[in-house]
């Protein structure tokens, strides 16, 4: 299952621990080296799709300073899909390095 970059980054952000919406936004920004900046509407639309696909689930809800906060986490299926997509991207990067005659980063030292 190929994922959109935003969905991949959201799943990766959730791979270590459950996060609430703002935590996901911040983690995605860091993971993408400030390149991907999710707005709230984009994030929650993606989380709804990922939840509908069984990749993430709400694991906790609380009210903080009068605001409702939901925490999301990867499901087992989500973790599997993330691992498979990561392997696919690694193969693609290896193919690109070969075609461009680039040495892998770990060999460039």
N, C-alpha and C. Protein backbone atom coordinates (compact mmCIF):
# COMPACT_ATOMS: atom_id res chain seq x y z
N UNK A 1 0.84 -1.18 0.00
CA UNK A 1 0.00 0.00 0.00
C UNK A 1 0.89 1.24 0.00
N UNK A 2 0.99 1.92 -1.12
CA UNK A 2 1.77 3.15 -1.21
C UNK A 2 1.01 4.26 -0.47
N UNK A 3 1.74 5.05 0.30
CA UNK A 3 1.14 6.13 1.08
C UNK A 3 1.54 7.48 0.52
N UNK A 4 0.67 8.45 0.66
CA UNK A 4 1.05 9.84 0.37
C UNK A 4 2.10 10.25 1.38
N UNK A 5 2.92 11.20 1.00
CA UNK A 5 4.00 11.63 1.90
C UNK A 5 3.44 12.10 3.24
N UNK A 6 2.38 12.89 3.23
CA UNK A 6 1.82 13.38 4.49
C UNK A 6 1.36 12.23 5.37
N UNK A 7 0.70 11.24 4.78
CA UNK A 7 0.23 10.10 5.56
C UNK A 7 1.41 9.31 6.12
N UNK A 8 2.43 9.11 5.29
CA UNK A 8 3.63 8.40 5.75
C UNK A 8 4.25 9.13 6.95
N UNK A 9 4.39 10.43 6.85
CA UNK A 9 5.00 11.20 7.94
C UNK A 9 4.13 11.17 9.20
N UNK A 10 2.82 11.18 9.05
CA UNK A 10 1.93 11.10 10.22
C UNK A 10 2.11 9.75 10.91
N UNK A 11 2.13 8.67 10.13
CA UNK A 11 2.34 7.35 10.72
C UNK A 11 3.71 7.27 11.39
N UNK A 12 4.72 7.82 10.75
CA UNK A 12 6.07 7.81 11.33
C UNK A 12 6.10 8.62 12.63
N UNK A 13 5.39 9.73 12.66
CA UNK A 13 5.32 10.55 13.87
C UNK A 13 4.70 9.77 15.03
N UNK A 14 3.76 8.89 14.72
CA UNK A 14 3.08 8.11 15.76
C UNK A 14 3.80 6.81 16.10
N UNK A 15 4.92 6.55 15.46
CA UNK A 15 5.59 5.25 15.62
C UNK A 15 6.23 5.03 16.99
N UNK A 16 6.54 6.11 17.70
CA UNK A 16 7.18 5.94 19.01
C UNK A 16 6.19 5.98 20.17
N UNK A 17 5.16 6.81 20.04
CA UNK A 17 4.19 6.92 21.12
C UNK A 17 2.96 7.67 20.62
N UNK A 18 1.84 7.53 21.32
CA UNK A 18 0.63 8.28 20.93
C UNK A 18 0.88 9.78 21.04
N UNK A 19 0.25 10.54 20.16
CA UNK A 19 0.36 11.99 20.16
C UNK A 19 -1.00 12.62 19.92
N UNK A 20 -1.19 13.84 20.43
CA UNK A 20 -2.39 14.61 20.10
C UNK A 20 -2.09 15.41 18.84
N UNK A 21 -3.10 16.06 18.29
CA UNK A 21 -2.97 16.74 17.01
C UNK A 21 -1.78 17.66 16.88
N UNK A 22 -1.61 18.58 17.85
CA UNK A 22 -0.49 19.51 17.76
C UNK A 22 0.85 18.77 17.83
N UNK A 23 0.91 17.70 18.62
CA UNK A 23 2.13 16.91 18.70
C UNK A 23 2.47 16.26 17.36
N UNK A 24 1.44 15.81 16.63
CA UNK A 24 1.65 15.23 15.30
C UNK A 24 2.16 16.31 14.35
N UNK A 25 1.54 17.48 14.37
CA UNK A 25 1.95 18.58 13.50
C UNK A 25 3.42 18.93 13.73
N UNK A 26 3.80 19.03 14.99
CA UNK A 26 5.18 19.38 15.34
C UNK A 26 6.15 18.27 14.91
N UNK A 27 5.79 17.01 15.15
CA UNK A 27 6.67 15.89 14.79
C UNK A 27 6.85 15.80 13.28
N UNK A 28 5.77 16.00 12.52
CA UNK A 28 5.86 15.94 11.06
C UNK A 28 6.78 17.05 10.55
N UNK A 29 6.67 18.22 11.12
CA UNK A 29 7.54 19.33 10.72
C UNK A 29 9.00 18.96 10.97
N UNK A 30 9.29 18.38 12.14
CA UNK A 30 10.67 17.99 12.46
C UNK A 30 11.16 16.86 11.56
N UNK A 31 10.34 15.83 11.35
CA UNK A 31 10.73 14.69 10.53
C UNK A 31 11.02 15.11 9.09
N UNK A 32 10.27 16.08 8.60
CA UNK A 32 10.43 16.53 7.22
C UNK A 32 11.46 17.65 7.08
N UNK A 33 12.16 17.93 8.16
CA UNK A 33 13.16 19.00 8.18
C UNK A 33 12.52 20.34 7.77
N UNK A 34 11.35 20.62 8.36
CA UNK A 34 10.60 21.86 8.17
C UNK A 34 9.96 21.99 6.78
N UNK A 35 10.00 20.96 5.96
CA UNK A 35 9.47 21.03 4.60
C UNK A 35 7.96 20.83 4.56
N UNK A 36 7.42 19.96 5.42
CA UNK A 36 5.98 19.69 5.44
C UNK A 36 5.37 20.33 6.68
N UNK A 37 4.45 21.24 6.43
CA UNK A 37 3.76 21.93 7.52
C UNK A 37 2.27 21.67 7.38
N UNK A 38 1.75 20.85 8.26
CA UNK A 38 0.34 20.47 8.20
C UNK A 38 -0.52 21.49 8.91
N UNK A 39 -1.60 21.88 8.26
CA UNK A 39 -2.61 22.68 8.93
C UNK A 39 -3.56 21.74 9.66
N UNK A 40 -4.35 22.29 10.57
CA UNK A 40 -5.26 21.45 11.36
C UNK A 40 -6.26 20.72 10.47
N UNK A 41 -6.82 21.38 9.48
CA UNK A 41 -7.79 20.74 8.60
C UNK A 41 -7.18 19.58 7.82
N UNK A 42 -5.97 19.79 7.31
CA UNK A 42 -5.27 18.74 6.57
C UNK A 42 -4.96 17.57 7.49
N UNK A 43 -4.47 17.88 8.69
CA UNK A 43 -4.12 16.82 9.65
C UNK A 43 -5.34 15.98 10.00
N UNK A 44 -6.42 16.61 10.40
CA UNK A 44 -7.57 15.85 10.86
C UNK A 44 -8.26 15.11 9.72
N UNK A 45 -8.21 15.65 8.51
CA UNK A 45 -8.71 14.92 7.35
C UNK A 45 -7.89 13.66 7.11
N UNK A 46 -6.56 13.80 7.22
CA UNK A 46 -5.68 12.64 7.03
C UNK A 46 -5.89 11.62 8.15
N UNK A 47 -6.01 12.09 9.39
CA UNK A 47 -6.23 11.17 10.51
C UNK A 47 -7.55 10.42 10.36
N UNK A 48 -8.58 11.10 9.86
CA UNK A 48 -9.86 10.43 9.62
C UNK A 48 -9.70 9.33 8.57
N UNK A 49 -8.97 9.62 7.48
CA UNK A 49 -8.74 8.61 6.43
C UNK A 49 -7.91 7.45 6.98
N UNK A 50 -6.85 7.77 7.71
CA UNK A 50 -5.99 6.72 8.27
C UNK A 50 -6.76 5.86 9.28
N UNK A 51 -7.63 6.50 10.04
CA UNK A 51 -8.46 5.77 10.99
C UNK A 51 -9.44 4.87 10.25
N UNK A 52 -10.05 5.39 9.19
CA UNK A 52 -10.98 4.61 8.38
C UNK A 52 -10.31 3.41 7.73
N UNK A 53 -9.02 3.54 7.43
CA UNK A 53 -8.25 2.44 6.84
C UNK A 53 -7.69 1.49 7.90
N UNK A 54 -7.97 1.79 9.18
CA UNK A 54 -7.51 0.92 10.26
C UNK A 54 -6.04 1.06 10.60
N UNK A 55 -5.43 2.20 10.22
CA UNK A 55 -4.00 2.39 10.46
C UNK A 55 -3.70 3.13 11.76
N UNK A 56 -4.63 3.98 12.20
CA UNK A 56 -4.49 4.69 13.47
C UNK A 56 -5.80 4.58 14.24
N UNK A 57 -5.71 4.82 15.53
CA UNK A 57 -6.90 4.80 16.38
C UNK A 57 -6.75 5.83 17.49
N UNK A 58 -7.87 6.35 17.95
CA UNK A 58 -7.88 7.23 19.12
C UNK A 58 -7.69 6.35 20.33
N UNK A 59 -6.69 6.65 21.15
CA UNK A 59 -6.41 5.82 22.32
C UNK A 59 -6.67 6.53 23.64
N UNK A 60 -6.89 7.86 23.57
CA UNK A 60 -7.13 8.60 24.80
C UNK A 60 -7.77 9.93 24.43
N UNK A 61 -8.68 10.39 25.30
CA UNK A 61 -9.29 11.70 25.12
C UNK A 61 -9.28 12.41 26.46
N UNK A 62 -9.03 13.71 26.41
CA UNK A 62 -9.03 14.50 27.64
C UNK A 62 -9.40 15.94 27.31
N UNK A 63 -9.75 16.70 28.33
CA UNK A 63 -10.01 18.12 28.17
C UNK A 63 -8.90 18.87 28.89
N UNK A 64 -8.22 19.75 28.14
CA UNK A 64 -7.12 20.54 28.68
C UNK A 64 -7.45 22.01 28.44
N UNK A 65 -7.53 22.78 29.51
CA UNK A 65 -7.85 24.21 29.42
C UNK A 65 -9.12 24.43 28.59
N UNK A 66 -10.11 23.58 28.82
CA UNK A 66 -11.39 23.71 28.14
C UNK A 66 -11.42 23.21 26.71
N UNK A 67 -10.32 22.65 26.25
CA UNK A 67 -10.26 22.16 24.87
C UNK A 67 -10.16 20.65 24.86
N UNK A 68 -10.92 20.05 23.95
CA UNK A 68 -10.92 18.60 23.80
C UNK A 68 -9.64 18.18 23.08
N UNK A 69 -8.94 17.20 23.63
CA UNK A 69 -7.69 16.72 23.04
C UNK A 69 -7.78 15.20 22.85
N UNK A 70 -7.53 14.75 21.62
CA UNK A 70 -7.51 13.32 21.31
C UNK A 70 -6.08 12.89 21.03
N UNK A 71 -5.75 11.72 21.54
CA UNK A 71 -4.43 11.13 21.29
C UNK A 71 -4.61 9.98 20.30
N UNK A 72 -3.75 9.95 19.31
CA UNK A 72 -3.79 8.93 18.26
C UNK A 72 -2.57 8.03 18.38
N UNK A 73 -2.74 6.78 17.97
CA UNK A 73 -1.63 5.83 17.98
C UNK A 73 -1.77 4.92 16.77
N UNK A 74 -0.65 4.32 16.38
CA UNK A 74 -0.67 3.33 15.30
C UNK A 74 -1.39 2.08 15.78
N UNK A 75 -2.12 1.46 14.88
CA UNK A 75 -2.65 0.13 15.15
C UNK A 75 -1.58 -0.88 14.72
N UNK A 76 -1.79 -2.13 14.99
CA UNK A 76 -0.86 -3.15 14.51
C UNK A 76 -0.77 -3.13 13.00
N UNK A 77 -1.92 -2.98 12.35
CA UNK A 77 -1.94 -2.90 10.89
C UNK A 77 -1.19 -1.66 10.40
N UNK A 78 -1.36 -0.55 11.11
CA UNK A 78 -0.66 0.68 10.75
C UNK A 78 0.85 0.53 10.84
N UNK A 79 1.31 -0.16 11.87
CA UNK A 79 2.75 -0.40 12.04
C UNK A 79 3.28 -1.27 10.90
N UNK A 80 2.50 -2.27 10.50
CA UNK A 80 2.90 -3.14 9.39
C UNK A 80 2.97 -2.36 8.08
N UNK A 81 1.94 -1.54 7.81
CA UNK A 81 1.93 -0.75 6.59
C UNK A 81 3.09 0.24 6.58
N UNK A 82 3.37 0.87 7.73
CA UNK A 82 4.50 1.80 7.82
C UNK A 82 5.82 1.08 7.53
N UNK A 83 6.01 -0.10 8.09
CA UNK A 83 7.25 -0.86 7.86
C UNK A 83 7.37 -1.25 6.39
N UNK A 84 6.28 -1.69 5.77
CA UNK A 84 6.30 -2.08 4.36
C UNK A 84 6.61 -0.88 3.46
N UNK A 85 6.01 0.27 3.75
CA UNK A 85 6.25 1.47 2.96
C UNK A 85 7.68 1.96 3.14
N UNK A 86 8.22 1.84 4.35
CA UNK A 86 9.61 2.22 4.60
C UNK A 86 10.56 1.34 3.78
N UNK A 87 10.29 0.05 3.74
CA UNK A 87 11.12 -0.87 2.94
C UNK A 87 11.01 -0.54 1.46
N UNK A 88 9.81 -0.22 0.98
CA UNK A 88 9.62 0.15 -0.43
C UNK A 88 10.41 1.40 -0.77
N UNK A 89 10.35 2.41 0.10
CA UNK A 89 11.08 3.65 -0.14
C UNK A 89 12.59 3.42 -0.10
N UNK A 90 13.05 2.54 0.78
CA UNK A 90 14.49 2.23 0.85
C UNK A 90 14.95 1.56 -0.45
N UNK A 91 14.12 0.65 -0.99
CA UNK A 91 14.47 0.02 -2.27
C UNK A 91 14.51 1.04 -3.39
N UNK A 92 13.55 1.95 -3.40
CA UNK A 92 13.50 2.99 -4.42
C UNK A 92 14.73 3.89 -4.32
N UNK A 93 15.11 4.28 -3.10
CA UNK A 93 16.30 5.11 -2.91
C UNK A 93 17.56 4.38 -3.36
N UNK A 94 17.66 3.10 -3.07
CA UNK A 94 18.82 2.31 -3.49
C UNK A 94 18.89 2.25 -5.02
N UNK A 95 17.75 2.07 -5.68
CA UNK A 95 17.71 2.05 -7.14
C UNK A 95 18.15 3.40 -7.70
N UNK A 96 17.67 4.48 -7.10
CA UNK A 96 18.04 5.82 -7.56
C UNK A 96 19.55 6.05 -7.38
N UNK A 97 20.10 5.63 -6.24
CA UNK A 97 21.54 5.79 -6.01
C UNK A 97 22.33 5.02 -7.06
N UNK A 98 21.89 3.82 -7.39
CA UNK A 98 22.58 3.01 -8.39
C UNK A 98 22.51 3.68 -9.77
N UNK A 99 21.33 4.12 -10.16
CA UNK A 99 21.16 4.73 -11.48
C UNK A 99 21.93 6.04 -11.60
N UNK A 100 22.07 6.75 -10.51
CA UNK A 100 22.78 8.03 -10.53
C UNK A 100 24.26 7.88 -10.20
N UNK A 101 24.70 6.62 -10.02
CA UNK A 101 26.09 6.34 -9.64
C UNK A 101 26.52 7.07 -8.37
N UNK A 102 25.61 7.11 -7.41
CA UNK A 102 25.90 7.73 -6.12
C UNK A 102 26.31 6.67 -5.12
N UNK A 103 27.22 7.02 -4.24
CA UNK A 103 27.56 6.10 -3.16
C UNK A 103 26.57 6.32 -2.03
N UNK A 104 26.15 5.26 -1.36
CA UNK A 104 25.26 5.44 -0.20
C UNK A 104 25.92 6.37 0.83
N UNK A 105 25.10 7.08 1.57
CA UNK A 105 25.60 8.05 2.53
C UNK A 105 26.59 7.43 3.52
N UNK A 106 26.34 6.17 3.94
CA UNK A 106 27.22 5.55 4.93
C UNK A 106 28.60 5.22 4.32
N UNK A 107 28.71 5.16 2.98
CA UNK A 107 29.99 4.90 2.34
C UNK A 107 30.72 6.19 1.97
N UNK A 108 30.04 7.31 2.00
CA UNK A 108 30.60 8.58 1.54
C UNK A 108 31.59 9.17 2.53
N UNK A 109 31.70 8.60 3.69
CA UNK A 109 32.58 9.17 4.73
C UNK A 109 34.01 8.94 4.46
